[in-house]
């Protein structure tokens, strides 16, 4: 059974390990992912990021980080959704995504945006969003670097 819960301090090292063993993340991406975990854990009063963790049989196996986009009315950015590479394909990512959607809806959110890369090693990520009802809303050519476009997926919710 997959349990989704709020992050706690003892999750940090396991989440760090999951981040740092995810092959298609660059060193900078890993550092930024860990930075957001630390901000969330060390500043419980902050409201920019919400992190929830997936647990199976008492083992932390993934997480998502979401936050409302500044200056918008109900638009949320899904900053991270990561599953332990040893656990992929078991529905954990889908459960995390569904929970992030419930979180947004509970706050009267109307849209989730998820940014990703056009690189070949991100094709599984792009297919994951499509499979879960997300549509490509825009792309920016050569955004990350020449030949690596930014692709933004979105999912709207009825008010």
N, C-alpha and C. Protein backbone atom coordinates (compact mmCIF):
# COMPACT_ATOMS: atom_id res chain seq x y z
N UNK A 1 0.83 -1.18 0.00
CA UNK A 1 0.00 0.00 0.00
C UNK A 1 0.88 1.25 0.00
N UNK A 2 0.53 2.20 -0.86
CA UNK A 2 1.28 3.45 -0.97
C UNK A 2 0.62 4.48 -0.05
N UNK A 3 1.43 5.04 0.84
CA UNK A 3 0.96 6.09 1.74
C UNK A 3 1.63 7.40 1.32
N UNK A 4 0.83 8.46 1.20
CA UNK A 4 1.36 9.79 0.90
C UNK A 4 1.17 10.64 2.15
N UNK A 5 2.27 11.24 2.61
CA UNK A 5 2.23 12.02 3.86
C UNK A 5 3.15 13.22 3.74
N UNK A 6 3.01 14.13 4.71
CA UNK A 6 3.90 15.29 4.76
C UNK A 6 5.33 14.86 5.05
N UNK A 7 6.26 15.64 4.56
CA UNK A 7 7.68 15.38 4.79
C UNK A 7 8.02 15.62 6.27
N UNK A 8 8.95 14.83 6.79
CA UNK A 8 9.49 15.04 8.14
C UNK A 8 11.02 15.02 8.04
N UNK A 9 11.67 15.56 9.05
CA UNK A 9 13.14 15.72 9.01
C UNK A 9 13.88 14.41 8.74
N UNK A 10 13.39 13.31 9.27
CA UNK A 10 14.10 12.04 9.07
C UNK A 10 14.02 11.52 7.63
N UNK A 11 13.21 12.16 6.78
CA UNK A 11 13.12 11.77 5.38
C UNK A 11 14.28 12.31 4.54
N UNK A 12 14.98 13.32 5.03
CA UNK A 12 15.95 14.05 4.22
C UNK A 12 16.99 13.14 3.56
N UNK A 13 17.63 12.28 4.31
CA UNK A 13 18.71 11.47 3.74
C UNK A 13 18.20 10.49 2.69
N UNK A 14 17.05 9.90 2.92
CA UNK A 14 16.49 8.98 1.93
C UNK A 14 16.11 9.74 0.66
N UNK A 15 15.51 10.93 0.81
CA UNK A 15 15.15 11.72 -0.36
C UNK A 15 16.40 12.19 -1.11
N UNK A 16 17.43 12.56 -0.35
CA UNK A 16 18.69 12.94 -0.98
C UNK A 16 19.24 11.78 -1.81
N UNK A 17 19.20 10.59 -1.25
CA UNK A 17 19.69 9.41 -1.96
C UNK A 17 18.88 9.15 -3.24
N UNK A 18 17.56 9.30 -3.14
CA UNK A 18 16.71 9.11 -4.32
C UNK A 18 17.07 10.14 -5.39
N UNK A 19 17.20 11.39 -4.99
CA UNK A 19 17.57 12.45 -5.94
C UNK A 19 18.91 12.17 -6.61
N UNK A 20 19.90 11.84 -5.78
CA UNK A 20 21.26 11.73 -6.28
C UNK A 20 21.52 10.42 -7.04
N UNK A 21 20.58 9.49 -6.99
CA UNK A 21 20.73 8.26 -7.79
C UNK A 21 19.82 8.27 -9.02
N UNK A 22 19.11 9.37 -9.23
CA UNK A 22 18.29 9.50 -10.43
C UNK A 22 19.20 9.93 -11.57
N UNK A 23 19.38 9.05 -12.53
CA UNK A 23 20.42 9.22 -13.54
C UNK A 23 20.26 10.43 -14.44
N UNK A 24 19.03 10.80 -14.82
CA UNK A 24 18.93 11.89 -15.78
C UNK A 24 18.97 13.28 -15.15
N UNK A 25 19.07 13.39 -13.82
CA UNK A 25 19.23 14.69 -13.19
C UNK A 25 20.69 15.11 -13.23
N UNK A 26 20.93 16.37 -13.59
CA UNK A 26 22.28 16.91 -13.55
C UNK A 26 22.66 17.18 -12.10
N UNK A 27 23.93 17.42 -11.86
CA UNK A 27 24.38 17.76 -10.50
C UNK A 27 23.68 19.01 -9.99
N UNK A 28 23.48 19.99 -10.86
CA UNK A 28 22.80 21.21 -10.46
C UNK A 28 21.34 20.94 -10.10
N UNK A 29 20.67 20.11 -10.89
CA UNK A 29 19.28 19.76 -10.58
C UNK A 29 19.19 19.05 -9.23
N UNK A 30 20.11 18.15 -8.97
CA UNK A 30 20.12 17.44 -7.69
C UNK A 30 20.32 18.42 -6.54
N UNK A 31 21.23 19.36 -6.72
CA UNK A 31 21.51 20.36 -5.68
C UNK A 31 20.26 21.22 -5.40
N UNK A 32 19.58 21.63 -6.47
CA UNK A 32 18.39 22.46 -6.32
C UNK A 32 17.26 21.66 -5.67
N UNK A 33 17.10 20.40 -6.07
CA UNK A 33 16.08 19.56 -5.45
C UNK A 33 16.31 19.44 -3.95
N UNK A 34 17.56 19.21 -3.56
CA UNK A 34 17.89 19.10 -2.14
C UNK A 34 17.70 20.43 -1.42
N UNK A 35 18.00 21.51 -2.09
CA UNK A 35 17.82 22.84 -1.50
C UNK A 35 16.35 23.08 -1.15
N UNK A 36 15.44 22.68 -2.04
CA UNK A 36 14.01 22.85 -1.76
C UNK A 36 13.55 21.96 -0.60
N UNK A 37 14.11 20.77 -0.52
CA UNK A 37 13.81 19.91 0.63
C UNK A 37 14.27 20.59 1.92
N UNK A 38 15.48 21.13 1.91
CA UNK A 38 16.01 21.79 3.10
C UNK A 38 15.21 23.04 3.47
N UNK A 39 14.81 23.82 2.49
CA UNK A 39 13.99 25.00 2.77
C UNK A 39 12.70 24.58 3.45
N UNK A 40 12.07 23.54 2.94
CA UNK A 40 10.80 23.06 3.50
C UNK A 40 10.98 22.54 4.93
N UNK A 41 12.04 21.77 5.15
CA UNK A 41 12.26 21.19 6.48
C UNK A 41 12.73 22.22 7.50
N UNK A 42 13.55 23.17 7.08
CA UNK A 42 14.15 24.11 8.02
C UNK A 42 13.34 25.37 8.24
N UNK A 43 12.32 25.58 7.44
CA UNK A 43 11.48 26.78 7.57
C UNK A 43 10.01 26.37 7.51
N UNK A 44 9.52 25.72 8.55
CA UNK A 44 8.14 25.21 8.49
C UNK A 44 7.09 26.30 8.30
N UNK A 45 7.44 27.56 8.56
CA UNK A 45 6.48 28.65 8.39
C UNK A 45 6.39 29.13 6.94
N UNK A 46 7.37 28.73 6.10
CA UNK A 46 7.35 29.18 4.69
C UNK A 46 6.13 28.60 3.98
N UNK A 47 5.68 29.31 2.97
CA UNK A 47 4.48 28.89 2.24
C UNK A 47 4.74 28.72 0.75
N UNK A 48 6.00 28.81 0.34
CA UNK A 48 6.31 28.72 -1.09
C UNK A 48 6.30 27.29 -1.61
N UNK A 49 6.67 26.34 -0.76
CA UNK A 49 6.81 24.95 -1.20
C UNK A 49 6.08 24.01 -0.26
N UNK A 50 5.43 23.03 -0.85
CA UNK A 50 4.80 21.96 -0.09
C UNK A 50 5.41 20.67 -0.61
N UNK A 51 5.94 19.85 0.31
CA UNK A 51 6.50 18.57 -0.08
C UNK A 51 5.75 17.45 0.63
N UNK A 52 5.36 16.46 -0.17
CA UNK A 52 4.74 15.26 0.38
C UNK A 52 5.53 14.06 -0.11
N UNK A 53 5.59 13.05 0.74
CA UNK A 53 6.44 11.88 0.54
C UNK A 53 5.58 10.64 0.33
N UNK A 54 6.06 9.76 -0.55
CA UNK A 54 5.42 8.45 -0.74
C UNK A 54 6.20 7.43 0.07
N UNK A 55 5.44 6.55 0.71
CA UNK A 55 6.03 5.51 1.55
C UNK A 55 5.35 4.19 1.23
N UNK A 56 6.15 3.14 1.08
CA UNK A 56 5.62 1.79 0.86
C UNK A 56 6.28 0.88 1.88
N UNK A 57 5.48 0.18 2.67
CA UNK A 57 5.99 -0.73 3.70
C UNK A 57 7.01 -0.04 4.61
N UNK A 58 6.71 1.21 4.97
CA UNK A 58 7.57 1.96 5.88
C UNK A 58 8.82 2.54 5.25
N UNK A 59 9.00 2.37 3.93
CA UNK A 59 10.19 2.89 3.26
C UNK A 59 9.82 4.08 2.37
N UNK A 60 10.54 5.18 2.54
CA UNK A 60 10.35 6.36 1.70
C UNK A 60 10.82 6.01 0.29
N UNK A 61 9.95 6.27 -0.70
CA UNK A 61 10.30 5.86 -2.06
C UNK A 61 10.01 6.93 -3.11
N UNK A 62 9.69 8.15 -2.69
CA UNK A 62 9.48 9.23 -3.64
C UNK A 62 8.87 10.44 -2.97
N UNK A 63 8.75 11.51 -3.76
CA UNK A 63 8.13 12.72 -3.22
C UNK A 63 7.73 13.65 -4.36
N UNK A 64 6.93 14.66 -3.99
CA UNK A 64 6.68 15.76 -4.91
C UNK A 64 6.83 17.06 -4.15
N UNK A 65 7.15 18.09 -4.91
CA UNK A 65 7.25 19.45 -4.37
C UNK A 65 6.41 20.34 -5.26
N UNK A 66 5.51 21.09 -4.65
CA UNK A 66 4.58 21.93 -5.40
C UNK A 66 4.48 23.29 -4.71
N UNK A 67 4.09 24.29 -5.45
CA UNK A 67 3.88 25.61 -4.86
C UNK A 67 3.07 26.49 -5.78
N UNK A 68 2.36 27.44 -5.18
CA UNK A 68 1.57 28.36 -6.00
C UNK A 68 2.50 29.33 -6.70
N UNK A 69 2.23 29.53 -7.98
CA UNK A 69 3.04 30.47 -8.77
C UNK A 69 2.70 31.89 -8.33
N UNK A 70 3.74 32.66 -8.05
CA UNK A 70 3.55 34.05 -7.59
C UNK A 70 2.73 34.84 -8.61
N UNK A 71 1.93 35.73 -8.09
CA UNK A 71 1.13 36.68 -8.88
C UNK A 71 0.06 36.01 -9.73
N UNK A 72 -0.34 34.79 -9.36
CA UNK A 72 -1.40 34.12 -10.11
C UNK A 72 -2.57 33.81 -9.18
N UNK A 73 -3.68 33.57 -9.81
CA UNK A 73 -4.89 33.18 -9.11
C UNK A 73 -5.13 31.70 -9.34
N UNK A 74 -4.54 30.86 -8.48
CA UNK A 74 -4.82 29.44 -8.55
C UNK A 74 -3.97 28.63 -9.49
N UNK A 75 -2.78 29.12 -9.85
CA UNK A 75 -1.86 28.36 -10.71
C UNK A 75 -0.73 27.83 -9.84
N UNK A 76 -0.46 26.54 -9.97
CA UNK A 76 0.57 25.88 -9.16
C UNK A 76 1.64 25.28 -10.07
N UNK A 77 2.87 25.36 -9.59
CA UNK A 77 4.00 24.72 -10.26
C UNK A 77 4.31 23.41 -9.56
N UNK A 78 4.39 22.34 -10.32
CA UNK A 78 4.86 21.07 -9.81
C UNK A 78 6.37 21.06 -10.06
N UNK A 79 7.12 21.41 -9.03
CA UNK A 79 8.57 21.58 -9.18
C UNK A 79 9.29 20.25 -9.34
N UNK A 80 8.88 19.27 -8.55
CA UNK A 80 9.55 17.97 -8.56
C UNK A 80 8.53 16.87 -8.33
N UNK A 81 8.71 15.79 -9.02
CA UNK A 81 8.03 14.55 -8.69
C UNK A 81 9.07 13.47 -9.01
N UNK A 82 9.49 12.77 -7.98
CA UNK A 82 10.62 11.85 -8.10
C UNK A 82 10.27 10.54 -7.40
N UNK A 83 10.58 9.43 -8.07
CA UNK A 83 10.37 8.10 -7.50
C UNK A 83 11.70 7.37 -7.53
N UNK A 84 11.99 6.65 -6.46
CA UNK A 84 13.19 5.83 -6.38
C UNK A 84 13.26 4.94 -7.62
N UNK A 85 14.40 4.94 -8.29
CA UNK A 85 14.53 4.19 -9.55
C UNK A 85 14.25 2.70 -9.36
N UNK A 86 14.46 2.17 -8.15
CA UNK A 86 14.19 0.75 -7.89
C UNK A 86 12.69 0.48 -7.76
N UNK A 87 11.88 1.52 -7.63
CA UNK A 87 10.44 1.36 -7.41
C UNK A 87 9.59 1.85 -8.58
N UNK A 88 10.22 2.31 -9.65
CA UNK A 88 9.45 2.85 -10.78
C UNK A 88 8.58 1.76 -11.41
N UNK A 89 7.42 2.19 -11.91
CA UNK A 89 6.51 1.27 -12.57
C UNK A 89 5.55 0.59 -11.64
N UNK A 90 5.50 1.04 -10.38
CA UNK A 90 4.60 0.43 -9.39
C UNK A 90 3.46 1.35 -8.97
N UNK A 91 3.23 2.43 -9.73
CA UNK A 91 2.11 3.32 -9.43
C UNK A 91 2.42 4.41 -8.42
N UNK A 92 3.63 4.49 -7.94
CA UNK A 92 3.98 5.49 -6.92
C UNK A 92 3.92 6.89 -7.51
N UNK A 93 4.48 7.08 -8.70
CA UNK A 93 4.44 8.39 -9.34
C UNK A 93 3.01 8.86 -9.58
N UNK A 94 2.16 7.94 -10.02
CA UNK A 94 0.76 8.29 -10.25
C UNK A 94 0.07 8.70 -8.96
N UNK A 95 0.33 7.97 -7.87
CA UNK A 95 -0.26 8.33 -6.57
C UNK A 95 0.23 9.70 -6.11
N UNK A 96 1.52 9.97 -6.30
CA UNK A 96 2.06 11.29 -5.94
C UNK A 96 1.39 12.38 -6.76
N UNK A 97 1.25 12.15 -8.06
CA UNK A 97 0.63 13.14 -8.93
C UNK A 97 -0.83 13.37 -8.55
N UNK A 98 -1.56 12.30 -8.27
CA UNK A 98 -2.96 12.44 -7.84
C UNK A 98 -3.06 13.23 -6.54
N UNK A 99 -2.13 12.98 -5.61
CA UNK A 99 -2.16 13.72 -4.35
C UNK A 99 -1.85 15.19 -4.59
N UNK A 100 -0.91 15.49 -5.49
CA UNK A 100 -0.61 16.90 -5.78
C UNK A 100 -1.83 17.59 -6.38
N UNK A 101 -2.57 16.89 -7.21
CA UNK A 101 -3.79 17.45 -7.78
C UNK A 101 -4.84 17.70 -6.71
N UNK A 102 -4.98 16.78 -5.78
CA UNK A 102 -5.92 16.96 -4.67
C UNK A 102 -5.53 18.16 -3.82
N UNK A 103 -4.23 18.30 -3.59
CA UNK A 103 -3.72 19.44 -2.83
C UNK A 103 -4.11 20.76 -3.52
N UNK A 104 -3.90 20.83 -4.82
CA UNK A 104 -4.22 22.04 -5.58
C UNK A 104 -5.72 22.31 -5.55
N UNK A 105 -6.52 21.29 -5.79
CA UNK A 105 -7.98 21.46 -5.78
C UNK A 105 -8.48 21.92 -4.42
N UNK A 106 -7.87 21.41 -3.35
CA UNK A 106 -8.32 21.79 -2.00
C UNK A 106 -8.04 23.27 -1.70
N UNK A 107 -7.19 23.88 -2.49
CA UNK A 107 -6.87 25.29 -2.34
C UNK A 107 -7.50 26.13 -3.45
N UNK A 108 -8.50 25.54 -4.10
CA UNK A 108 -9.22 26.18 -5.19
C UNK A 108 -8.31 26.53 -6.36
N UNK A 109 -7.27 25.72 -6.54
CA UNK A 109 -6.38 25.89 -7.67
C UNK A 109 -7.07 25.48 -8.95
N UNK A 110 -6.66 26.08 -10.05
CA UNK A 110 -7.30 25.81 -11.33
C UNK A 110 -6.37 25.22 -12.38
N UNK A 111 -5.04 25.25 -12.11
CA UNK A 111 -4.10 24.78 -13.11
C UNK A 111 -2.80 24.34 -12.43
N UNK A 112 -2.28 23.18 -12.87
CA UNK A 112 -0.94 22.74 -12.48
C UNK A 112 -0.07 22.79 -13.72
N UNK A 113 1.12 23.35 -13.56
CA UNK A 113 2.11 23.37 -14.63
C UNK A 113 3.30 22.51 -14.21
N UNK A 114 3.81 21.75 -15.15
CA UNK A 114 4.98 20.90 -14.91
C UNK A 114 5.97 21.12 -16.06
N UNK A 115 7.15 21.60 -15.72
CA UNK A 115 8.17 21.86 -16.73
C UNK A 115 9.10 20.66 -16.85
N UNK A 116 9.49 20.36 -18.07
CA UNK A 116 10.44 19.28 -18.30
C UNK A 116 11.27 19.57 -19.54
N UNK A 117 12.15 18.67 -19.84
CA UNK A 117 13.10 18.83 -20.93
C UNK A 117 12.66 18.02 -22.16
N UNK A 118 13.15 18.45 -23.31
CA UNK A 118 12.89 17.70 -24.55
C UNK A 118 13.92 16.60 -24.78
N UNK A 119 14.90 16.49 -23.90
CA UNK A 119 15.94 15.47 -24.09
C UNK A 119 15.32 14.07 -24.14
N UNK A 120 15.99 13.19 -24.86
CA UNK A 120 15.51 11.80 -25.02
C UNK A 120 15.33 11.13 -23.66
N UNK A 121 16.25 11.37 -22.72
CA UNK A 121 16.16 10.70 -21.42
C UNK A 121 14.99 11.22 -20.58
N UNK A 122 14.27 12.23 -21.04
CA UNK A 122 13.07 12.70 -20.36
C UNK A 122 11.79 12.23 -21.06
N UNK A 123 11.90 11.34 -22.04
CA UNK A 123 10.71 10.87 -22.76
C UNK A 123 9.75 10.13 -21.83
N UNK A 124 10.28 9.38 -20.88
CA UNK A 124 9.42 8.68 -19.91
C UNK A 124 8.63 9.69 -19.09
N UNK A 125 9.28 10.77 -18.71
CA UNK A 125 8.61 11.83 -17.93
C UNK A 125 7.49 12.47 -18.76
N UNK A 126 7.79 12.81 -19.99
CA UNK A 126 6.76 13.42 -20.85
C UNK A 126 5.58 12.47 -21.05
N UNK A 127 5.86 11.20 -21.28
CA UNK A 127 4.78 10.21 -21.45
C UNK A 127 3.98 10.03 -20.17
N UNK A 128 4.63 10.12 -19.03
CA UNK A 128 3.95 10.03 -17.73
C UNK A 128 2.90 11.14 -17.62
N UNK A 129 3.29 12.36 -17.94
CA UNK A 129 2.33 13.47 -17.85
C UNK A 129 1.18 13.27 -18.84
N UNK A 130 1.48 12.89 -20.05
CA UNK A 130 0.43 12.66 -21.05
C UNK A 130 -0.54 11.58 -20.60
N UNK A 131 0.00 10.48 -20.08
CA UNK A 131 -0.82 9.36 -19.61
C UNK A 131 -1.77 9.79 -18.49
N UNK A 132 -1.37 10.81 -17.73
CA UNK A 132 -2.17 11.28 -16.60
C UNK A 132 -3.00 12.52 -16.92
N UNK A 133 -3.25 12.76 -18.20
CA UNK A 133 -4.18 13.81 -18.60
C UNK A 133 -3.59 15.20 -18.74
N UNK A 134 -2.28 15.31 -18.73
CA UNK A 134 -1.63 16.61 -18.92
C UNK A 134 -1.42 16.84 -20.41
N UNK A 135 -1.57 18.08 -20.81
CA UNK A 135 -1.37 18.47 -22.21
C UNK A 135 -0.16 19.40 -22.30
N UNK A 136 0.55 19.29 -23.40
CA UNK A 136 1.64 20.23 -23.63
C UNK A 136 1.03 21.60 -23.91
N UNK A 137 1.34 22.58 -23.07
CA UNK A 137 0.76 23.91 -23.24
C UNK A 137 1.70 24.85 -23.99
N UNK A 138 3.00 24.60 -23.91
CA UNK A 138 3.96 25.39 -24.67
C UNK A 138 5.33 24.75 -24.61
N UNK A 139 6.19 25.22 -25.49
CA UNK A 139 7.59 24.82 -25.45
C UNK A 139 8.43 26.02 -25.88
N UNK A 140 9.66 26.03 -25.40
CA UNK A 140 10.59 27.08 -25.77
C UNK A 140 11.85 26.41 -26.29
N UNK A 141 12.11 26.65 -27.56
CA UNK A 141 13.25 26.03 -28.24
C UNK A 141 14.57 26.48 -27.61
N UNK A 142 15.48 25.52 -27.45
CA UNK A 142 16.84 25.79 -26.96
C UNK A 142 16.86 26.51 -25.61
N UNK A 143 15.90 26.22 -24.76
CA UNK A 143 15.77 26.91 -23.47
C UNK A 143 16.92 26.58 -22.52
N UNK A 144 17.12 25.29 -22.26
CA UNK A 144 18.16 24.89 -21.31
C UNK A 144 19.55 25.03 -21.92
N UNK A 145 19.64 24.62 -23.18
CA UNK A 145 20.84 24.79 -24.00
C UNK A 145 20.43 24.45 -25.42
N UNK A 146 21.29 24.72 -26.37
CA UNK A 146 20.95 24.44 -27.76
C UNK A 146 20.62 22.94 -27.90
N UNK A 147 19.45 22.68 -28.45
CA UNK A 147 18.99 21.31 -28.62
C UNK A 147 18.23 20.74 -27.43
N UNK A 148 18.06 21.52 -26.38
CA UNK A 148 17.34 21.07 -25.18
C UNK A 148 16.24 22.07 -24.87
N UNK A 149 15.04 21.77 -25.37
CA UNK A 149 13.90 22.67 -25.24
C UNK A 149 13.21 22.50 -23.88
N UNK A 150 12.58 23.57 -23.44
CA UNK A 150 11.68 23.52 -22.28
C UNK A 150 10.31 23.11 -22.80
N UNK A 151 9.71 22.11 -22.17
CA UNK A 151 8.34 21.70 -22.49
C UNK A 151 7.52 21.84 -21.23
N UNK A 152 6.42 22.57 -21.33
CA UNK A 152 5.55 22.79 -20.17
C UNK A 152 4.24 22.06 -20.41
N UNK A 153 3.92 21.18 -19.46
CA UNK A 153 2.65 20.46 -19.47
C UNK A 153 1.73 21.12 -18.46
N UNK A 154 0.44 21.07 -18.74
CA UNK A 154 -0.54 21.65 -17.83
C UNK A 154 -1.77 20.80 -17.71
N UNK A 155 -2.42 20.95 -16.58
CA UNK A 155 -3.72 20.28 -16.37
C UNK A 155 -4.63 21.28 -15.67
N UNK A 156 -5.79 21.53 -16.30
CA UNK A 156 -6.77 22.46 -15.75
C UNK A 156 -7.80 21.68 -14.94
N UNK A 157 -8.34 22.36 -13.93
CA UNK A 157 -9.39 21.78 -13.10
C UNK A 157 -10.61 22.67 -13.17
N UNK A 158 -11.79 22.06 -13.20
CA UNK A 158 -13.03 22.83 -13.20
C UNK A 158 -13.19 23.50 -11.85
N UNK A 159 -13.71 24.69 -11.89
CA UNK A 159 -13.88 25.45 -10.64
C UNK A 159 -15.09 24.99 -9.89
